[in-house]
PDB file of all heavy atoms in Angstrom:
ATOM      1  N   PHE A   1       0.819  -1.203   0.002  1.00  0.00           N
ATOM      2  CA  PHE A   1      -0.014  -0.007  -0.007  1.00  0.00           C
ATOM      3  C   PHE A   1       0.857   1.258  -0.003  1.00  0.00           C
ATOM      4  O   PHE A   1       0.587   2.214  -0.719  1.00  0.00           O
ATOM      5  CB  PHE A   1      -0.916  -0.013   1.235  1.00  0.00           C
ATOM      6  CG  PHE A   1      -1.829   1.198   1.303  1.00  0.00           C
ATOM      7  CD1 PHE A   1      -2.945   1.277   0.485  1.00  0.00           C
ATOM      8  CD2 PHE A   1      -1.561   2.252   2.178  1.00  0.00           C
ATOM      9  CE1 PHE A   1      -3.777   2.380   0.540  1.00  0.00           C
ATOM     10  CE2 PHE A   1      -2.368   3.334   2.228  1.00  0.00           C
ATOM     11  CZ  PHE A   1      -3.493   3.431   1.418  1.00  0.00           C
ATOM     12  N   THR A   2       1.927   1.251   0.785  1.00  0.00           N
ATOM     13  CA  THR A   2       2.840   2.410   0.846  1.00  0.00           C
ATOM     14  C   THR A   2       3.441   2.707  -0.532  1.00  0.00           C
ATOM     15  O   THR A   2       3.472   3.856  -0.979  1.00  0.00           O
ATOM     16  CB  THR A   2       3.956   2.144   1.859  1.00  0.00           C
ATOM     17  OG1 THR A   2       3.383   2.006   3.148  1.00  0.00           O
ATOM     18  CG2 THR A   2       4.973   3.296   1.881  1.00  0.00           C
ATOM     19  N   LYS A   3       3.901   1.680  -1.199  1.00  0.00           N
ATOM     20  CA  LYS A   3       4.494   1.890  -2.506  1.00  0.00           C
ATOM     21  C   LYS A   3       3.486   2.372  -3.526  1.00  0.00           C
ATOM     22  O   LYS A   3       3.808   3.170  -4.415  1.00  0.00           O
ATOM     23  CB  LYS A   3       5.161   0.580  -2.981  1.00  0.00           C
ATOM     24  CG  LYS A   3       6.406   0.212  -2.182  1.00  0.00           C
ATOM     25  CD  LYS A   3       7.030  -1.075  -2.656  1.00  0.00           C
ATOM     26  CE  LYS A   3       8.308  -1.400  -1.881  1.00  0.00           C
ATOM     27  NZ  LYS A   3       8.914  -2.696  -2.313  1.00  0.00           N
ATOM     28  N   LEU A   4       2.246   1.894  -3.375  1.00  0.00           N
ATOM     29  CA  LEU A   4       1.179   2.373  -4.272  1.00  0.00           C
ATOM     30  C   LEU A   4       0.926   3.851  -4.077  1.00  0.00           C
ATOM     31  O   LEU A   4       0.753   4.586  -5.043  1.00  0.00           O
ATOM     32  CB  LEU A   4      -0.092   1.564  -4.032  1.00  0.00           C
ATOM     33  CG  LEU A   4      -1.321   1.916  -4.853  1.00  0.00           C
ATOM     34  CD1 LEU A   4      -1.077   1.589  -6.321  1.00  0.00           C
ATOM     35  CD2 LEU A   4      -2.554   1.165  -4.335  1.00  0.00           C
ATOM     36  N   MET A   5       0.903   4.294  -2.819  1.00  0.00           N
ATOM     37  CA  MET A   5       0.699   5.705  -2.540  1.00  0.00           C
ATOM     38  C   MET A   5       1.819   6.570  -3.045  1.00  0.00           C
ATOM     39  O   MET A   5       1.635   7.636  -3.589  1.00  0.00           O
ATOM     40  CB  MET A   5       0.492   5.912  -1.037  1.00  0.00           C
ATOM     41  CG  MET A   5      -0.773   5.289  -0.451  1.00  0.00           C
ATOM     42  SD  MET A   5      -2.337   5.984  -1.095  1.00  0.00           S
ATOM     43  CE  MET A   5      -2.748   4.745  -2.382  1.00  0.00           C
ATOM     44  N   LEU A   6       3.044   6.101  -2.866  1.00  0.00           N
ATOM     45  CA  LEU A   6       4.228   6.837  -3.327  1.00  0.00           C
ATOM     46  C   LEU A   6       4.208   6.981  -4.843  1.00  0.00           C
ATOM     47  O   LEU A   6       4.667   8.005  -5.372  1.00  0.00           O
ATOM     48  CB  LEU A   6       5.494   6.147  -2.847  1.00  0.00           C
ATOM     49  CG  LEU A   6       5.807   6.253  -1.353  1.00  0.00           C
ATOM     50  CD1 LEU A   6       6.936   5.303  -1.000  1.00  0.00           C
ATOM     51  CD2 LEU A   6       6.161   7.690  -0.986  1.00  0.00           C
ATOM     52  N   LYS A   7       3.709   5.980  -5.515  1.00  0.00           N
ATOM     53  CA  LYS A   7       3.666   6.010  -6.991  1.00  0.00           C
ATOM     54  C   LYS A   7       2.602   6.981  -7.467  1.00  0.00           C
ATOM     55  O   LYS A   7       2.802   7.633  -8.518  1.00  0.00           O
ATOM     56  CB  LYS A   7       3.378   4.591  -7.507  1.00  0.00           C
ATOM     57  CG  LYS A   7       3.160   4.528  -9.019  1.00  0.00           C
ATOM     58  CD  LYS A   7       2.791   3.104  -9.424  1.00  0.00           C
ATOM     59  CE  LYS A   7       2.477   3.028 -10.916  1.00  0.00           C
ATOM     60  NZ  LYS A   7       2.054   1.656 -11.335  1.00  0.00           N
ATOM     61  N   ASN A   8       1.511   7.137  -6.771  1.00  0.00           N
ATOM     62  CA  ASN A   8       0.367   7.864  -7.282  1.00  0.00           C
ATOM     63  C   ASN A   8       0.124   9.242  -6.695  1.00  0.00           C
ATOM     64  O   ASN A   8      -0.655  10.027  -7.229  1.00  0.00           O
ATOM     65  CB  ASN A   8      -0.911   7.034  -7.115  1.00  0.00           C
ATOM     66  CG  ASN A   8      -0.972   5.864  -8.086  1.00  0.00           C
ATOM     67  OD1 ASN A   8      -1.360   6.037  -9.207  1.00  0.00           O
ATOM     68  ND2 ASN A   8      -0.598   4.667  -7.625  1.00  0.00           N
ATOM     69  N   ILE A   9       0.748   9.539  -5.554  1.00  0.00           N
ATOM     70  CA  ILE A   9       0.552  10.851  -4.907  1.00  0.00           C
ATOM     71  C   ILE A   9       1.821  11.682  -5.075  1.00  0.00           C
ATOM     72  O   ILE A   9       2.936  11.209  -4.837  1.00  0.00           O
ATOM     73  CB  ILE A   9       0.208  10.707  -3.411  1.00  0.00           C
ATOM     74  CG1 ILE A   9      -1.092   9.928  -3.256  1.00  0.00           C
ATOM     75  CG2 ILE A   9       0.118  12.064  -2.747  1.00  0.00           C
ATOM     76  CD1 ILE A   9      -1.482   9.651  -1.810  1.00  0.00           C
ATOM     77  N   ASP A  10       1.645  12.922  -5.467  1.00  0.00           N
ATOM     78  CA  ASP A  10       2.782  13.855  -5.563  1.00  0.00           C
ATOM     79  C   ASP A  10       2.978  14.493  -4.187  1.00  0.00           C
ATOM     80  O   ASP A  10       2.375  15.518  -3.882  1.00  0.00           O
ATOM     81  CB  ASP A  10       2.489  14.936  -6.612  1.00  0.00           C
ATOM     82  CG  ASP A  10       3.660  15.882  -6.864  1.00  0.00           C
ATOM     83  OD1 ASP A  10       4.584  15.868  -6.020  1.00  0.00           O
ATOM     84  OD2 ASP A  10       3.653  16.588  -7.894  1.00  0.00           O
ATOM     85  N   PHE A  11       3.822  13.869  -3.380  1.00  0.00           N
ATOM     86  CA  PHE A  11       4.013  14.358  -2.040  1.00  0.00           C
ATOM     87  C   PHE A  11       4.785  15.663  -1.977  1.00  0.00           C
ATOM     88  O   PHE A  11       4.666  16.417  -0.997  1.00  0.00           O
ATOM     89  CB  PHE A  11       4.633  13.290  -1.132  1.00  0.00           C
ATOM     90  CG  PHE A  11       3.670  12.240  -0.667  1.00  0.00           C
ATOM     91  CD1 PHE A  11       3.679  10.979  -1.213  1.00  0.00           C
ATOM     92  CD2 PHE A  11       2.737  12.550   0.290  1.00  0.00           C
ATOM     93  CE1 PHE A  11       2.767   9.997  -0.790  1.00  0.00           C
ATOM     94  CE2 PHE A  11       1.790  11.599   0.701  1.00  0.00           C
ATOM     95  CZ  PHE A  11       1.831  10.333   0.181  1.00  0.00           C
ATOM     96  N   ASN A  12       5.583  15.971  -3.009  1.00  0.00           N
ATOM     97  CA  ASN A  12       6.229  17.269  -3.045  1.00  0.00           C
ATOM     98  C   ASN A  12       5.176  18.376  -3.113  1.00  0.00           C
ATOM     99  O   ASN A  12       5.252  19.382  -2.394  1.00  0.00           O
ATOM    100  CB  ASN A  12       7.182  17.342  -4.215  1.00  0.00           C
ATOM    101  CG  ASN A  12       8.425  16.551  -4.062  1.00  0.00           C
ATOM    102  OD1 ASN A  12       9.009  16.506  -2.965  1.00  0.00           O
ATOM    103  ND2 ASN A  12       8.875  15.893  -5.106  1.00  0.00           N
ATOM    104  N   GLU A  13       4.182  18.168  -3.986  1.00  0.00           N
ATOM    105  CA  GLU A  13       3.119  19.163  -4.138  1.00  0.00           C
ATOM    106  C   GLU A  13       2.201  19.174  -2.916  1.00  0.00           C
ATOM    107  O   GLU A  13       1.843  20.268  -2.431  1.00  0.00           O
ATOM    108  CB  GLU A  13       2.335  18.882  -5.409  1.00  0.00           C
ATOM    109  CG  GLU A  13       1.179  19.842  -5.687  1.00  0.00           C
ATOM    110  CD  GLU A  13       1.636  21.269  -5.969  1.00  0.00           C
ATOM    111  OE1 GLU A  13       2.798  21.449  -6.389  1.00  0.00           O
ATOM    112  OE2 GLU A  13       0.823  22.194  -5.748  1.00  0.00           O
ATOM    113  N   LEU A  14       1.788  18.000  -2.453  1.00  0.00           N
ATOM    114  CA  LEU A  14       0.874  17.939  -1.329  1.00  0.00           C
ATOM    115  C   LEU A  14       1.504  18.541  -0.075  1.00  0.00           C
ATOM    116  O   LEU A  14       0.849  19.328   0.655  1.00  0.00           O
ATOM    117  CB  LEU A  14       0.461  16.491  -1.044  1.00  0.00           C
ATOM    118  CG  LEU A  14      -0.478  16.253   0.136  1.00  0.00           C
ATOM    119  CD1 LEU A  14      -1.746  17.089   0.005  1.00  0.00           C
ATOM    120  CD2 LEU A  14      -0.829  14.758   0.248  1.00  0.00           C
ATOM    121  N   SER A  15       2.747  18.232   0.188  1.00  0.00           N
ATOM    122  CA  SER A  15       3.390  18.773   1.384  1.00  0.00           C
ATOM    123  C   SER A  15       3.573  20.299   1.283  1.00  0.00           C
ATOM    124  O   SER A  15       3.477  20.983   2.268  1.00  0.00           O
ATOM    125  CB  SER A  15       4.752  18.099   1.639  1.00  0.00           C
ATOM    126  OG  SER A  15       5.653  18.390   0.583  1.00  0.00           O
ATOM    127  N   THR A  16       3.813  20.800   0.063  1.00  0.00           N
ATOM    128  CA  THR A  16       3.887  22.256  -0.153  1.00  0.00           C
ATOM    129  C   THR A  16       2.567  22.925   0.203  1.00  0.00           C
ATOM    130  O   THR A  16       2.546  23.954   0.874  1.00  0.00           O
ATOM    131  CB  THR A  16       4.272  22.563  -1.610  1.00  0.00           C
ATOM    132  OG1 THR A  16       5.586  22.045  -1.887  1.00  0.00           O
ATOM    133  CG2 THR A  16       4.282  24.082  -1.843  1.00  0.00           C
ATOM    134  N   ARG A  17       1.462  22.291  -0.167  1.00  0.00           N
ATOM    135  CA  ARG A  17       0.157  22.844   0.144  1.00  0.00           C
ATOM    136  C   ARG A  17      -0.127  22.771   1.636  1.00  0.00           C
ATOM    137  O   ARG A  17      -0.789  23.649   2.204  1.00  0.00           O
ATOM    138  CB  ARG A  17      -0.921  22.117  -0.665  1.00  0.00           C
ATOM    139  CG  ARG A  17      -0.743  22.277  -2.162  1.00  0.00           C
ATOM    140  CD  ARG A  17      -1.846  21.598  -2.981  1.00  0.00           C
ATOM    141  NE  ARG A  17      -1.541  21.760  -4.408  1.00  0.00           N
ATOM    142  CZ  ARG A  17      -2.397  21.605  -5.412  1.00  0.00           C
ATOM    143  NH1 ARG A  17      -3.672  21.278  -5.140  1.00  0.00           N
ATOM    144  NH2 ARG A  17      -2.056  21.759  -6.654  1.00  0.00           N
ATOM    145  N   VAL A  18       0.368  21.735   2.296  1.00  0.00           N
ATOM    146  CA  VAL A  18       0.178  21.605   3.718  1.00  0.00           C
ATOM    147  C   VAL A  18       1.006  22.650   4.473  1.00  0.00           C
ATOM    148  O   VAL A  18       0.519  23.279   5.416  1.00  0.00           O
ATOM    149  CB  VAL A  18       0.549  20.186   4.208  1.00  0.00           C
ATOM    150  CG1 VAL A  18       0.591  20.123   5.735  1.00  0.00           C
ATOM    151  CG2 VAL A  18      -0.429  19.166   3.648  1.00  0.00           C
ATOM    152  N   MET A  19       2.237  22.837   4.070  1.00  0.00           N
ATOM    153  CA  MET A  19       3.099  23.816   4.754  1.00  0.00           C
ATOM    154  C   MET A  19       2.536  25.238   4.602  1.00  0.00           C
ATOM    155  O   MET A  19       2.643  26.016   5.539  1.00  0.00           O
ATOM    156  CB  MET A  19       4.529  23.768   4.169  1.00  0.00           C
ATOM    157  CG  MET A  19       5.348  22.575   4.650  1.00  0.00           C
ATOM    158  SD  MET A  19       7.069  22.621   4.050  1.00  0.00           S
ATOM    159  CE  MET A  19       6.865  22.062   2.348  1.00  0.00           C
ATOM    160  N   GLY A  20       1.965  25.545   3.479  1.00  0.00           N
ATOM    161  CA  GLY A  20       1.409  26.863   3.285  1.00  0.00           C
ATOM    162  C   GLY A  20       2.463  27.955   3.441  1.00  0.00           C
ATOM    163  O   GLY A  20       3.630  27.754   3.081  1.00  0.00           O
ATOM    164  N   PRO A  21       2.104  29.107   4.030  1.00  0.00           N
ATOM    165  CA  PRO A  21       3.048  30.196   4.181  1.00  0.00           C
ATOM    166  C   PRO A  21       4.292  29.826   5.033  1.00  0.00           C
ATOM    167  O   PRO A  21       5.363  30.388   4.851  1.00  0.00           O
ATOM    168  CB  PRO A  21       2.224  31.288   4.905  1.00  0.00           C
ATOM    169  CG  PRO A  21       0.822  30.995   4.514  1.00  0.00           C
ATOM    170  CD  PRO A  21       0.743  29.466   4.452  1.00  0.00           C
ATOM    171  N   ALA A  22       4.131  28.859   5.924  1.00  0.00           N
ATOM    172  CA  ALA A  22       5.265  28.434   6.768  1.00  0.00           C
ATOM    173  C   ALA A  22       6.387  27.880   5.916  1.00  0.00           C
ATOM    174  O   ALA A  22       7.577  27.959   6.285  1.00  0.00           O
ATOM    175  CB  ALA A  22       4.824  27.442   7.810  1.00  0.00           C
ATOM    176  N   GLY A  23       6.052  27.319   4.758  1.00  0.00           N
ATOM    177  CA  GLY A  23       7.075  26.724   3.900  1.00  0.00           C
ATOM    178  C   GLY A  23       8.072  27.728   3.360  1.00  0.00           C
ATOM    179  O   GLY A  23       9.245  27.421   3.150  1.00  0.00           O
ATOM    180  N   SER A  24       7.580  28.980   3.107  1.00  0.00           N
ATOM    181  CA  SER A  24       8.456  30.025   2.558  1.00  0.00           C
ATOM    182  C   SER A  24       9.518  30.484   3.564  1.00  0.00           C
ATOM    183  O   SER A  24      10.505  31.078   3.227  1.00  0.00           O
ATOM    184  CB  SER A  24       7.631  31.209   2.077  1.00  0.00           C
ATOM    185  OG  SER A  24       6.922  31.827   3.169  1.00  0.00           O
ATOM    186  N   LYS A  25       9.251  30.200   4.863  1.00  0.00           N
ATOM    187  CA  LYS A  25      10.168  30.608   5.930  1.00  0.00           C
ATOM    188  C   LYS A  25      11.150  29.479   6.302  1.00  0.00           C
ATOM    189  O   LYS A  25      12.045  29.692   7.120  1.00  0.00           O
ATOM    190  CB  LYS A  25       9.398  31.053   7.141  1.00  0.00           C
ATOM    191  CG  LYS A  25       8.420  32.199   6.894  1.00  0.00           C
ATOM    192  CD  LYS A  25       7.597  32.491   8.127  1.00  0.00           C
ATOM    193  CE  LYS A  25       6.546  33.577   7.860  1.00  0.00           C
ATOM    194  NZ  LYS A  25       5.692  33.870   9.049  1.00  0.00           N
ATOM    195  N   ALA A  26      10.949  28.324   5.740  1.00  0.00           N
ATOM    196  CA  ALA A  26      11.782  27.157   6.078  1.00  0.00           C
ATOM    197  C   ALA A  26      12.945  27.021   5.138  1.00  0.00           C
ATOM    198  O   ALA A  26      12.923  27.516   4.007  1.00  0.00           O
ATOM    199  CB  ALA A  26      10.939  25.897   6.044  1.00  0.00           C
ATOM    200  N   THR A  27      13.994  26.353   5.596  1.00  0.00           N
ATOM    201  CA  THR A  27      15.139  26.100   4.745  1.00  0.00           C
ATOM    202  C   THR A  27      14.795  24.979   3.736  1.00  0.00           C
ATOM    203  O   THR A  27      13.873  24.183   3.995  1.00  0.00           O
ATOM    204  CB  THR A  27      16.348  25.650   5.570  1.00  0.00           C
ATOM    205  OG1 THR A  27      16.086  24.365   6.160  1.00  0.00           O
ATOM    206  CG2 THR A  27      16.669  26.663   6.666  1.00  0.00           C
ATOM    207  N   PRO A  28      15.501  24.917   2.608  1.00  0.00           N
ATOM    208  CA  PRO A  28      15.261  23.833   1.657  1.00  0.00           C
ATOM    209  C   PRO A  28      15.400  22.444   2.336  1.00  0.00           C
ATOM    210  O   PRO A  28      14.623  21.542   2.021  1.00  0.00           O
ATOM    211  CB  PRO A  28      16.313  24.062   0.583  1.00  0.00           C
ATOM    212  CG  PRO A  28      16.570  25.528   0.626  1.00  0.00           C
ATOM    213  CD  PRO A  28      16.473  25.905   2.080  1.00  0.00           C
ATOM    214  N   ALA A  29      16.355  22.319   3.215  1.00  0.00           N
ATOM    215  CA  ALA A  29      16.548  21.034   3.916  1.00  0.00           C
ATOM    216  C   ALA A  29      15.360  20.684   4.784  1.00  0.00           C
ATOM    217  O   ALA A  29      14.935  19.530   4.826  1.00  0.00           O
ATOM    218  CB  ALA A  29      17.828  21.066   4.750  1.00  0.00           C
ATOM    219  N   ASP A  30      14.806  21.676   5.484  1.00  0.00           N
ATOM    220  CA  ASP A  30      13.651  21.430   6.342  1.00  0.00           C
ATOM    221  C   ASP A  30      12.410  21.091   5.503  1.00  0.00           C
ATOM    222  O   ASP A  30      11.619  20.245   5.874  1.00  0.00           O
ATOM    223  CB  ASP A  30      13.347  22.628   7.236  1.00  0.00           C
ATOM    224  CG  ASP A  30      14.320  22.698   8.429  1.00  0.00           C
ATOM    225  OD1 ASP A  30      14.926  21.695   8.760  1.00  0.00           O
ATOM    226  OD2 ASP A  30      14.465  23.832   8.980  1.00  0.00           O
ATOM    227  N   ARG A  31      12.255  21.765   4.355  1.00  0.00           N
ATOM    228  CA  ARG A  31      11.097  21.450   3.491  1.00  0.00           C
ATOM    229  C   ARG A  31      11.204  20.030   2.936  1.00  0.00           C
ATOM    230  O   ARG A  31      10.217  19.299   2.887  1.00  0.00           O
ATOM    231  CB  ARG A  31      11.025  22.458   2.347  1.00  0.00           C
ATOM    232  CG  ARG A  31      10.581  23.866   2.773  1.00  0.00           C
ATOM    233  CD  ARG A  31      10.136  24.701   1.605  1.00  0.00           C
ATOM    234  NE  ARG A  31      11.224  24.968   0.658  1.00  0.00           N
ATOM    235  CZ  ARG A  31      12.060  25.991   0.746  1.00  0.00           C
ATOM    236  NH1 ARG A  31      11.912  26.888   1.721  1.00  0.00           N
ATOM    237  NH2 ARG A  31      13.005  26.168  -0.156  1.00  0.00           N
ATOM    238  N   LYS A  32      12.432  19.647   2.548  1.00  0.00           N
ATOM    239  CA  LYS A  32      12.639  18.298   2.036  1.00  0.00           C
ATOM    240  C   LYS A  32      12.347  17.273   3.141  1.00  0.00           C
ATOM    241  O   LYS A  32      11.735  16.236   2.868  1.00  0.00           O
ATOM    242  CB  LYS A  32      14.062  18.151   1.526  1.00  0.00           C
ATOM    243  CG  LYS A  32      14.376  16.794   0.942  1.00  0.00           C
ATOM    244  CD  LYS A  32      15.772  16.733   0.357  1.00  0.00           C
ATOM    245  CE  LYS A  32      16.099  15.388  -0.256  1.00  0.00           C
ATOM    246  NZ  LYS A  32      17.472  15.328  -0.801  1.00  0.00           N
ATOM    247  N   GLU A  33      12.813  17.531   4.342  1.00  0.00           N
ATOM    248  CA  GLU A  33      12.589  16.634   5.449  1.00  0.00           C
ATOM    249  C   GLU A  33      11.101  16.550   5.777  1.00  0.00           C
ATOM    250  O   GLU A  33      10.588  15.454   6.084  1.00  0.00           O
ATOM    251  CB  GLU A  33      13.375  17.114   6.688  1.00  0.00           C
ATOM    252  CG  GLU A  33      13.207  16.267   7.922  1.00  0.00           C
ATOM    253  CD  GLU A  33      14.032  14.994   7.899  1.00  0.00           C
ATOM    254  OE1 GLU A  33      14.477  14.619   6.785  1.00  0.00           O
ATOM    255  OE2 GLU A  33      14.261  14.387   8.954  1.00  0.00           O
ATOM    256  N   PHE A  34      10.402  17.664   5.699  1.00  0.00           N
ATOM    257  CA  PHE A  34       8.961  17.640   5.972  1.00  0.00           C
ATOM    258  C   PHE A  34       8.239  16.772   4.963  1.00  0.00           C
ATOM    259  O   PHE A  34       7.343  16.022   5.310  1.00  0.00           O
ATOM    260  CB  PHE A  34       8.400  19.064   5.970  1.00  0.00           C
ATOM    261  CG  PHE A  34       6.926  19.069   6.263  1.00  0.00           C
ATOM    262  CD1 PHE A  34       6.448  19.046   7.549  1.00  0.00           C
ATOM    263  CD2 PHE A  34       6.002  19.166   5.213  1.00  0.00           C
ATOM    264  CE1 PHE A  34       5.087  19.054   7.823  1.00  0.00           C
ATOM    265  CE2 PHE A  34       4.625  19.204   5.465  1.00  0.00           C
ATOM    266  CZ  PHE A  34       4.178  19.126   6.784  1.00  0.00           C
ATOM    267  N   THR A  35       8.623  16.904   3.684  1.00  0.00           N
ATOM    268  CA  THR A  35       7.995  16.091   2.653  1.00  0.00           C
ATOM    269  C   THR A  35       8.140  14.589   2.939  1.00  0.00           C
ATOM    270  O   THR A  35       7.170  13.829   2.827  1.00  0.00           O
ATOM    271  CB  THR A  35       8.616  16.410   1.286  1.00  0.00           C
ATOM    272  OG1 THR A  35       8.368  17.801   0.970  1.00  0.00           O
ATOM    273  CG2 THR A  35       8.025  15.556   0.183  1.00  0.00           C
ATOM    274  N   ARG A  36       9.298  14.176   3.333  1.00  0.00           N
ATOM    275  CA  ARG A  36       9.571  12.783   3.647  1.00  0.00           C
ATOM    276  C   ARG A  36       8.765  12.320   4.846  1.00  0.00           C
ATOM    277  O   ARG A  36       8.084  11.272   4.807  1.00  0.00           O
ATOM    278  CB  ARG A  36      11.070  12.583   3.911  1.00  0.00           C
ATOM    279  CG  ARG A  36      11.490  11.162   4.232  1.00  0.00           C
ATOM    280  CD  ARG A  36      13.000  11.079   4.467  1.00  0.00           C
ATOM    281  NE  ARG A  36      13.387  11.726   5.718  1.00  0.00           N
ATOM    282  CZ  ARG A  36      13.464  11.095   6.892  1.00  0.00           C
ATOM    283  NH1 ARG A  36      13.181   9.792   6.994  1.00  0.00           N
ATOM    284  NH2 ARG A  36      13.848  11.751   7.972  1.00  0.00           N
ATOM    285  N   LEU A  37       8.772  13.098   5.910  1.00  0.00           N
ATOM    286  CA  LEU A  37       8.059  12.718   7.133  1.00  0.00           C
ATOM    287  C   LEU A  37       6.571  12.798   6.964  1.00  0.00           C
ATOM    288  O   LEU A  37       5.836  11.892   7.392  1.00  0.00           O
ATOM    289  CB  LEU A  37       8.490  13.650   8.292  1.00  0.00           C
ATOM    290  CG  LEU A  37       9.966  13.518   8.717  1.00  0.00           C
ATOM    291  CD1 LEU A  37      10.326  14.686   9.652  1.00  0.00           C
ATOM    292  CD2 LEU A  37      10.215  12.198   9.412  1.00  0.00           C
ATOM    293  N   PHE A  38       6.114  13.845   6.292  1.00  0.00           N
ATOM    294  CA  PHE A  38       4.664  13.964   6.067  1.00  0.00           C
ATOM    295  C   PHE A  38       4.138  12.844   5.191  1.00  0.00           C
ATOM    296  O   PHE A  38       3.023  12.325   5.464  1.00  0.00           O
ATOM    297  CB  PHE A  38       4.350  15.331   5.458  1.00  0.00           C
ATOM    298  CG  PHE A  38       2.873  15.459   5.162  1.00  0.00           C
ATOM    299  CD1 PHE A  38       1.941  15.687   6.160  1.00  0.00           C
ATOM    300  CD2 PHE A  38       2.423  15.347   3.836  1.00  0.00           C
ATOM    301  CE1 PHE A  38       0.586  15.789   5.876  1.00  0.00           C
ATOM    302  CE2 PHE A  38       1.062  15.432   3.541  1.00  0.00           C
ATOM    303  CZ  PHE A  38       0.141  15.675   4.558  1.00  0.00           C
ATOM    304  N   ALA A  39       4.883  12.462   4.185  1.00  0.00           N
ATOM    305  CA  ALA A  39       4.450  11.327   3.311  1.00  0.00           C
ATOM    306  C   ALA A  39       4.202  10.088   4.130  1.00  0.00           C
ATOM    307  O   ALA A  39       3.174   9.412   3.997  1.00  0.00           O
ATOM    308  CB  ALA A  39       5.474  11.094   2.210  1.00  0.00           C
ATOM    309  N   ALA A  40       5.156   9.762   5.021  1.00  0.00           N
ATOM    310  CA  ALA A  40       5.016   8.571   5.834  1.00  0.00           C
ATOM    311  C   ALA A  40       3.845   8.704   6.792  1.00  0.00           C
ATOM    312  O   ALA A  40       3.042   7.751   6.996  1.00  0.00           O
ATOM    313  CB  ALA A  40       6.299   8.307   6.639  1.00  0.00           C
TER     314      ALA A  40
END
């Protein structure tokens, strides 16, 4: 199921929408880490 979700969901885009304005204040490394953690 996890692999199916990773294949079909754009977690880079979804996590960007979740972060909202807070994402613009975060470092690229923190945004990348959030995408990984949020996806799981």
